[in-house]
Amino acid sequence: GLLFVPSSEPKTGKNRLHIDLRPDDRDAEVERFLSLGARRADVGQTGEESWVVLADPEGNEFCILGSAH
């Protein structure tokens, strides 16, 4: 598993680490993260992508990828 430790400093630039998650059900996982406090992040997507970009409450972006099946 992963452990995330909060920082007392606000985000000031681009993330130095990017996390992509590939769940069995992308849409269900997006809804789960949104219910936990994530928000959709606009990074110039067209809407045709197979992934969804989210950000945590501090603004750190991560992607939920479409199924590999």
PDB file of N, CA and C in Angstrom:
ATOM      1  N   GLY A   1       0.809  -1.185   0.000  1.00  0.00           N
ATOM      2  CA  GLY A   1       0.000   0.000   0.000  1.00  0.00           C
ATOM      3  C   GLY A   1       0.852   1.248   0.000  1.00  0.00           C
ATOM      4  N   LEU A   2       0.202   2.340  -0.161  1.00  0.00           N
ATOM      5  CA  LEU A   2       0.843   3.654  -0.146  1.00  0.00           C
ATOM      6  C   LEU A   2       0.448   4.397   1.110  1.00  0.00           C
ATOM      7  N   LEU A   3       1.350   5.180   1.613  1.00  0.00           N
ATOM      8  CA  LEU A   3       1.078   6.041   2.754  1.00  0.00           C
ATOM      9  C   LEU A   3       1.315   7.471   2.317  1.00  0.00           C
ATOM     10  N   PHE A   4       0.341   8.338   2.522  1.00  0.00           N
ATOM     11  CA  PHE A   4       0.470   9.748   2.186  1.00  0.00           C
ATOM     12  C   PHE A   4       0.574  10.544   3.472  1.00  0.00           C
ATOM     13  N   VAL A   5       1.587  11.377   3.554  1.00  0.00           N
ATOM     14  CA  VAL A   5       1.816  12.189   4.740  1.00  0.00           C
ATOM     15  C   VAL A   5       1.560  13.643   4.373  1.00  0.00           C
ATOM     16  N   PRO A   6       0.674  14.335   5.089  1.00  0.00           N
ATOM     17  CA  PRO A   6       0.373  15.721   4.773  1.00  0.00           C
ATOM     18  C   PRO A   6       1.597  16.619   4.952  1.00  0.00           C
ATOM     19  N   SER A   7       1.640  17.653   4.141  1.00  0.00           N
ATOM     20  CA  SER A   7       2.690  18.656   4.235  1.00  0.00           C
ATOM     21  C   SER A   7       2.089  19.944   4.772  1.00  0.00           C
ATOM     22  N   SER A   8       2.850  20.660   5.558  1.00  0.00           N
ATOM     23  CA  SER A   8       2.356  21.936   6.077  1.00  0.00           C
ATOM     24  C   SER A   8       2.524  23.060   5.060  1.00  0.00           C
ATOM     25  N   GLU A   9       3.229  22.789   3.957  1.00  0.00           N
ATOM     26  CA  GLU A   9       3.452  23.796   2.921  1.00  0.00           C
ATOM     27  C   GLU A   9       2.441  23.618   1.797  1.00  0.00           C
ATOM     28  N   PRO A  10       1.884  24.719   1.279  1.00  0.00           N
ATOM     29  CA  PRO A  10       0.933  24.610   0.172  1.00  0.00           C
ATOM     30  C   PRO A  10       1.636  24.239  -1.132  1.00  0.00           C
ATOM     31  N   LYS A  11       0.883  23.673  -2.040  1.00  0.00           N
ATOM     32  CA  LYS A  11       1.410  23.352  -3.364  1.00  0.00           C
ATOM     33  C   LYS A  11       1.730  24.652  -4.081  1.00  0.00           C
ATOM     34  N   THR A  12       2.923  24.751  -4.661  1.00  0.00           N
ATOM     35  CA  THR A  12       3.322  25.986  -5.341  1.00  0.00           C
ATOM     36  C   THR A  12       3.689  25.777  -6.801  1.00  0.00           C
ATOM     37  N   GLY A  13       3.760  24.535  -7.261  1.00  0.00           N
ATOM     38  CA  GLY A  13       4.149  24.270  -8.645  1.00  0.00           C
ATOM     39  C   GLY A  13       3.650  22.921  -9.101  1.00  0.00           C
ATOM     40  N   LYS A  14       4.203  22.479 -10.223  1.00  0.00           N
ATOM     41  CA  LYS A  14       3.826  21.194 -10.802  1.00  0.00           C
ATOM     42  C   LYS A  14       4.250  20.057  -9.873  1.00  0.00           C
ATOM     43  N   ASN A  15       3.425  19.018  -9.828  1.00  0.00           N
ATOM     44  CA  ASN A  15       3.757  17.845  -9.014  1.00  0.00           C
ATOM     45  C   ASN A  15       5.061  17.226  -9.490  1.00  0.00           C
ATOM     46  N   ARG A  16       5.879  16.776  -8.566  1.00  0.00           N
ATOM     47  CA  ARG A  16       7.108  16.070  -8.916  1.00  0.00           C
ATOM     48  C   ARG A  16       6.848  14.579  -9.091  1.00  0.00           C
ATOM     49  N   LEU A  17       5.688  14.134  -8.670  1.00  0.00           N
ATOM     50  CA  LEU A  17       5.300  12.735  -8.777  1.00  0.00           C
ATOM     51  C   LEU A  17       3.872  12.691  -9.298  1.00  0.00           C
ATOM     52  N   HIS A  18       3.619  11.804 -10.258  1.00  0.00           N
ATOM     53  CA  HIS A  18       2.264  11.669 -10.795  1.00  0.00           C
ATOM     54  C   HIS A  18       1.827  10.223 -10.616  1.00  0.00           C
ATOM     55  N   ILE A  19       0.643  10.037 -10.083  1.00  0.00           N
ATOM     56  CA  ILE A  19       0.118   8.689  -9.843  1.00  0.00           C
ATOM     57  C   ILE A  19      -1.022   8.411 -10.810  1.00  0.00           C
ATOM     58  N   ASP A  20      -0.946   7.266 -11.489  1.00  0.00           N
ATOM     59  CA  ASP A  20      -2.028   6.760 -12.327  1.00  0.00           C
ATOM     60  C   ASP A  20      -2.569   5.499 -11.663  1.00  0.00           C
ATOM     61  N   LEU A  21      -3.874   5.413 -11.546  1.00  0.00           N
ATOM     62  CA  LEU A  21      -4.525   4.233 -10.985  1.00  0.00           C
ATOM     63  C   LEU A  21      -5.353   3.570 -12.080  1.00  0.00           C
ATOM     64  N   ARG A  22      -5.325   2.237 -12.157  1.00  0.00           N
ATOM     65  CA  ARG A  22      -6.104   1.511 -13.159  1.00  0.00           C
ATOM     66  C   ARG A  22      -7.036   0.525 -12.453  1.00  0.00           C
ATOM     67  N   PRO A  23      -8.205   0.995 -12.013  1.00  0.00           N
ATOM     68  CA  PRO A  23      -9.160   0.111 -11.335  1.00  0.00           C
ATOM     69  C   PRO A  23      -9.942  -0.727 -12.343  1.00  0.00           C
ATOM     70  N   ASP A  24     -10.655  -1.720 -11.856  1.00  0.00           N
ATOM     71  CA  ASP A  24     -11.521  -2.517 -12.727  1.00  0.00           C
ATOM     72  C   ASP A  24     -12.674  -1.684 -13.272  1.00  0.00           C
ATOM     73  N   ASP A  25     -13.165  -0.731 -12.487  1.00  0.00           N
ATOM     74  CA  ASP A  25     -14.305   0.100 -12.889  1.00  0.00           C
ATOM     75  C   ASP A  25     -13.932   1.571 -12.695  1.00  0.00           C
ATOM     76  N   ARG A  26     -13.482   2.211 -13.781  1.00  0.00           N
ATOM     77  CA  ARG A  26     -13.015   3.598 -13.707  1.00  0.00           C
ATOM     78  C   ARG A  26     -14.067   4.530 -13.135  1.00  0.00           C
ATOM     79  N   ASP A  27     -15.285   4.463 -13.656  1.00  0.00           N
ATOM     80  CA  ASP A  27     -16.323   5.409 -13.239  1.00  0.00           C
ATOM     81  C   ASP A  27     -16.676   5.261 -11.763  1.00  0.00           C
ATOM     82  N   ALA A  28     -16.748   4.020 -11.285  1.00  0.00           N
ATOM     83  CA  ALA A  28     -17.038   3.798  -9.866  1.00  0.00           C
ATOM     84  C   ALA A  28     -15.905   4.341  -9.002  1.00  0.00           C
ATOM     85  N   GLU A  29     -14.677   4.168  -9.455  1.00  0.00           N
ATOM     86  CA  GLU A  29     -13.537   4.663  -8.676  1.00  0.00           C
ATOM     87  C   GLU A  29     -13.495   6.187  -8.668  1.00  0.00           C
ATOM     88  N   VAL A  30     -13.828   6.817  -9.794  1.00  0.00           N
ATOM     89  CA  VAL A  30     -13.905   8.282  -9.835  1.00  0.00           C
ATOM     90  C   VAL A  30     -14.938   8.762  -8.828  1.00  0.00           C
ATOM     91  N   GLU A  31     -16.104   8.155  -8.824  1.00  0.00           N
ATOM     92  CA  GLU A  31     -17.153   8.558  -7.880  1.00  0.00           C
ATOM     93  C   GLU A  31     -16.710   8.348  -6.438  1.00  0.00           C
ATOM     94  N   ARG A  32     -15.987   7.263  -6.193  1.00  0.00           N
ATOM     95  CA  ARG A  32     -15.491   6.998  -4.836  1.00  0.00           C
ATOM     96  C   ARG A  32     -14.525   8.094  -4.394  1.00  0.00           C
ATOM     97  N   PHE A  33     -13.588   8.464  -5.269  1.00  0.00           N
ATOM     98  CA  PHE A  33     -12.637   9.521  -4.920  1.00  0.00           C
ATOM     99  C   PHE A  33     -13.333  10.866  -4.746  1.00  0.00           C
ATOM    100  N   LEU A  34     -14.313  11.160  -5.591  1.00  0.00           N
ATOM    101  CA  LEU A  34     -15.056  12.414  -5.439  1.00  0.00           C
ATOM    102  C   LEU A  34     -15.766  12.456  -4.090  1.00  0.00           C
ATOM    103  N   SER A  35     -16.314  11.322  -3.664  1.00  0.00           N
ATOM    104  CA  SER A  35     -17.009  11.283  -2.371  1.00  0.00           C
ATOM    105  C   SER A  35     -16.047  11.444  -1.199  1.00  0.00           C
ATOM    106  N   LEU A  36     -14.766  11.173  -1.442  1.00  0.00           N
ATOM    107  CA  LEU A  36     -13.750  11.297  -0.395  1.00  0.00           C
ATOM    108  C   LEU A  36     -13.086  12.673  -0.375  1.00  0.00           C
ATOM    109  N   GLY A  37     -13.505  13.573  -1.284  1.00  0.00           N
ATOM    110  CA  GLY A  37     -12.966  14.927  -1.262  1.00  0.00           C
ATOM    111  C   GLY A  37     -12.144  15.333  -2.459  1.00  0.00           C
ATOM    112  N   ALA A  38     -11.920  14.418  -3.398  1.00  0.00           N
ATOM    113  CA  ALA A  38     -11.210  14.798  -4.621  1.00  0.00           C
ATOM    114  C   ALA A  38     -12.129  15.678  -5.469  1.00  0.00           C
ATOM    115  N   ARG A  39     -11.541  16.343  -6.462  1.00  0.00           N
ATOM    116  CA  ARG A  39     -12.327  17.136  -7.412  1.00  0.00           C
ATOM    117  C   ARG A  39     -11.774  16.874  -8.805  1.00  0.00           C
ATOM    118  N   ARG A  40     -12.592  17.113  -9.799  1.00  0.00           N
ATOM    119  CA  ARG A  40     -12.123  16.977 -11.178  1.00  0.00           C
ATOM    120  C   ARG A  40     -11.149  18.109 -11.473  1.00  0.00           C
ATOM    121  N   ALA A  41     -10.079  17.799 -12.189  1.00  0.00           N
ATOM    122  CA  ALA A  41      -9.059  18.791 -12.515  1.00  0.00           C
ATOM    123  C   ALA A  41      -9.034  19.010 -14.022  1.00  0.00           C
ATOM    124  N   ASP A  42      -9.075  20.253 -14.438  1.00  0.00           N
ATOM    125  CA  ASP A  42      -9.010  20.600 -15.855  1.00  0.00           C
ATOM    126  C   ASP A  42      -7.562  20.873 -16.220  1.00  0.00           C
ATOM    127  N   VAL A  43      -6.982  19.956 -16.996  1.00  0.00           N
ATOM    128  CA  VAL A  43      -5.608  20.131 -17.466  1.00  0.00           C
ATOM    129  C   VAL A  43      -5.578  20.159 -18.992  1.00  0.00           C
ATOM    130  N   GLY A  44      -6.690  20.574 -19.593  1.00  0.00           N
ATOM    131  CA  GLY A  44      -6.769  20.685 -21.043  1.00  0.00           C
ATOM    132  C   GLY A  44      -7.305  19.454 -21.739  1.00  0.00           C
ATOM    133  N   GLN A  45      -8.045  18.612 -21.034  1.00  0.00           N
ATOM    134  CA  GLN A  45      -8.609  17.420 -21.648  1.00  0.00           C
ATOM    135  C   GLN A  45      -9.642  17.813 -22.713  1.00  0.00           C
ATOM    136  N   THR A  46      -9.817  16.912 -23.683  1.00  0.00           N
ATOM    137  CA  THR A  46     -10.812  17.128 -24.736  1.00  0.00           C
ATOM    138  C   THR A  46     -12.142  16.460 -24.406  1.00  0.00           C
ATOM    139  N   GLY A  47     -12.141  15.529 -23.460  1.00  0.00           N
ATOM    140  CA  GLY A  47     -13.331  14.752 -23.152  1.00  0.00           C
ATOM    141  C   GLY A  47     -13.336  13.397 -23.839  1.00  0.00           C
ATOM    142  N   GLU A  48     -12.382  13.183 -24.728  1.00  0.00           N
ATOM    143  CA  GLU A  48     -12.275  11.912 -25.454  1.00  0.00           C
ATOM    144  C   GLU A  48     -11.281  10.952 -24.801  1.00  0.00           C
ATOM    145  N   GLU A  49     -10.622  11.375 -23.748  1.00  0.00           N
ATOM    146  CA  GLU A  49      -9.601  10.553 -23.104  1.00  0.00           C
ATOM    147  C   GLU A  49     -10.223   9.345 -22.413  1.00  0.00           C
ATOM    148  N   SER A  50      -9.419   8.304 -22.257  1.00  0.00           N
ATOM    149  CA  SER A  50      -9.880   7.113 -21.538  1.00  0.00           C
ATOM    150  C   SER A  50      -9.568   7.224 -20.046  1.00  0.00           C
ATOM    151  N   TRP A  51      -9.055   8.356 -19.618  1.00  0.00           N
ATOM    152  CA  TRP A  51      -8.723   8.577 -18.217  1.00  0.00           C
ATOM    153  C   TRP A  51      -9.434   9.819 -17.701  1.00  0.00           C
ATOM    154  N   VAL A  52      -9.478   9.935 -16.379  1.00  0.00           N
ATOM    155  CA  VAL A  52     -10.075  11.095 -15.716  1.00  0.00           C
ATOM    156  C   VAL A  52      -9.013  11.680 -14.800  1.00  0.00           C
ATOM    157  N   VAL A  53      -8.821  12.990 -14.884  1.00  0.00           N
ATOM    158  CA  VAL A  53      -7.850  13.665 -14.025  1.00  0.00           C
ATOM    159  C   VAL A  53      -8.584  14.224 -12.812  1.00  0.00           C
ATOM    160  N   LEU A  54      -8.103  13.848 -11.638  1.00  0.00           N
ATOM    161  CA  LEU A  54      -8.658  14.343 -10.387  1.00  0.00           C
ATOM    162  C   LEU A  54      -7.552  15.048  -9.614  1.00  0.00           C
ATOM    163  N   ALA A  55      -7.955  15.801  -8.602  1.00  0.00           N
ATOM    164  CA  ALA A  55      -6.991  16.431  -7.700  1.00  0.00           C
ATOM    165  C   ALA A  55      -7.446  16.190  -6.271  1.00  0.00           C
ATOM    166  N   ASP A  56      -6.480  15.980  -5.404  1.00  0.00           N
ATOM    167  CA  ASP A  56      -6.808  15.827  -3.987  1.00  0.00           C
ATOM    168  C   ASP A  56      -7.133  17.204  -3.403  1.00  0.00           C
ATOM    169  N   PRO A  57      -7.557  17.284  -2.155  1.00  0.00           N
ATOM    170  CA  PRO A  57      -7.932  18.578  -1.576  1.00  0.00           C
ATOM    171  C   PRO A  57      -6.822  19.633  -1.596  1.00  0.00           C
ATOM    172  N   GLU A  58      -5.553  19.211  -1.696  1.00  0.00           N
ATOM    173  CA  GLU A  58      -4.448  20.169  -1.761  1.00  0.00           C
ATOM    174  C   GLU A  58      -4.077  20.534  -3.191  1.00  0.00           C
ATOM    175  N   GLY A  59      -4.772  19.943  -4.185  1.00  0.00           N
ATOM    176  CA  GLY A  59      -4.521  20.280  -5.582  1.00  0.00           C
ATOM    177  C   GLY A  59      -3.557  19.369  -6.310  1.00  0.00           C
ATOM    178  N   ASN A  60      -3.130  18.281  -5.699  1.00  0.00           N
ATOM    179  CA  ASN A  60      -2.221  17.340  -6.352  1.00  0.00           C
ATOM    180  C   ASN A  60      -3.004  16.468  -7.321  1.00  0.00           C
ATOM    181  N   GLU A  61      -2.625  16.516  -8.607  1.00  0.00           N
ATOM    182  CA  GLU A  61      -3.360  15.786  -9.633  1.00  0.00           C
ATOM    183  C   GLU A  61      -2.959  14.314  -9.678  1.00  0.00           C
ATOM    184  N   PHE A  62      -3.922  13.480 -10.051  1.00  0.00           N
ATOM    185  CA  PHE A  62      -3.683  12.067 -10.312  1.00  0.00           C
ATOM    186  C   PHE A  62      -4.729  11.611 -11.314  1.00  0.00           C
ATOM    187  N   CYS A  63      -4.469  10.495 -11.989  1.00  0.00           N
ATOM    188  CA  CYS A  63      -5.371  10.024 -13.037  1.00  0.00           C
ATOM    189  C   CYS A  63      -5.971   8.672 -12.683  1.00  0.00           C
ATOM    190  N   ILE A  64      -7.232   8.519 -13.056  1.00  0.00           N
ATOM    191  CA  ILE A  64      -7.910   7.231 -12.982  1.00  0.00           C
ATOM    192  C   ILE A  64      -8.032   6.760 -14.426  1.00  0.00           C
ATOM    193  N   LEU A  65      -7.304   5.698 -14.756  1.00  0.00           N
ATOM    194  CA  LEU A  65      -7.257   5.201 -16.125  1.00  0.00           C
ATOM    195  C   LEU A  65      -8.433   4.288 -16.413  1.00  0.00           C
ATOM    196  N   GLY A  66      -8.737   4.144 -17.709  1.00  0.00           N
ATOM    197  CA  GLY A  66      -9.765   3.211 -18.132  1.00  0.00           C
ATOM    198  C   GLY A  66      -9.299   1.782 -17.940  1.00  0.00           C
ATOM    199  N   SER A  67     -10.233   0.873 -17.991  1.00  0.00           N
ATOM    200  CA  SER A  67      -9.949  -0.540 -17.803  1.00  0.00           C
ATOM    201  C   SER A  67      -8.981  -1.049 -18.861  1.00  0.00           C
ATOM    202  N   ALA A  68      -8.140  -1.992 -18.484  1.00  0.00           N
ATOM    203  CA  ALA A  68      -7.187  -2.598 -19.417  1.00  0.00           C
ATOM    204  C   ALA A  68      -7.826  -3.692 -20.250  1.00  0.00           C
ATOM    205  N   HIS A  69      -9.076  -4.061 -19.956  1.00  0.00           N
ATOM    206  CA  HIS A  69      -9.738  -5.175 -20.656  1.00  0.00           C
ATOM    207  C   HIS A  69     -10.119  -4.742 -22.048  1.00  0.00           C
TER     208      HIS A  69
END
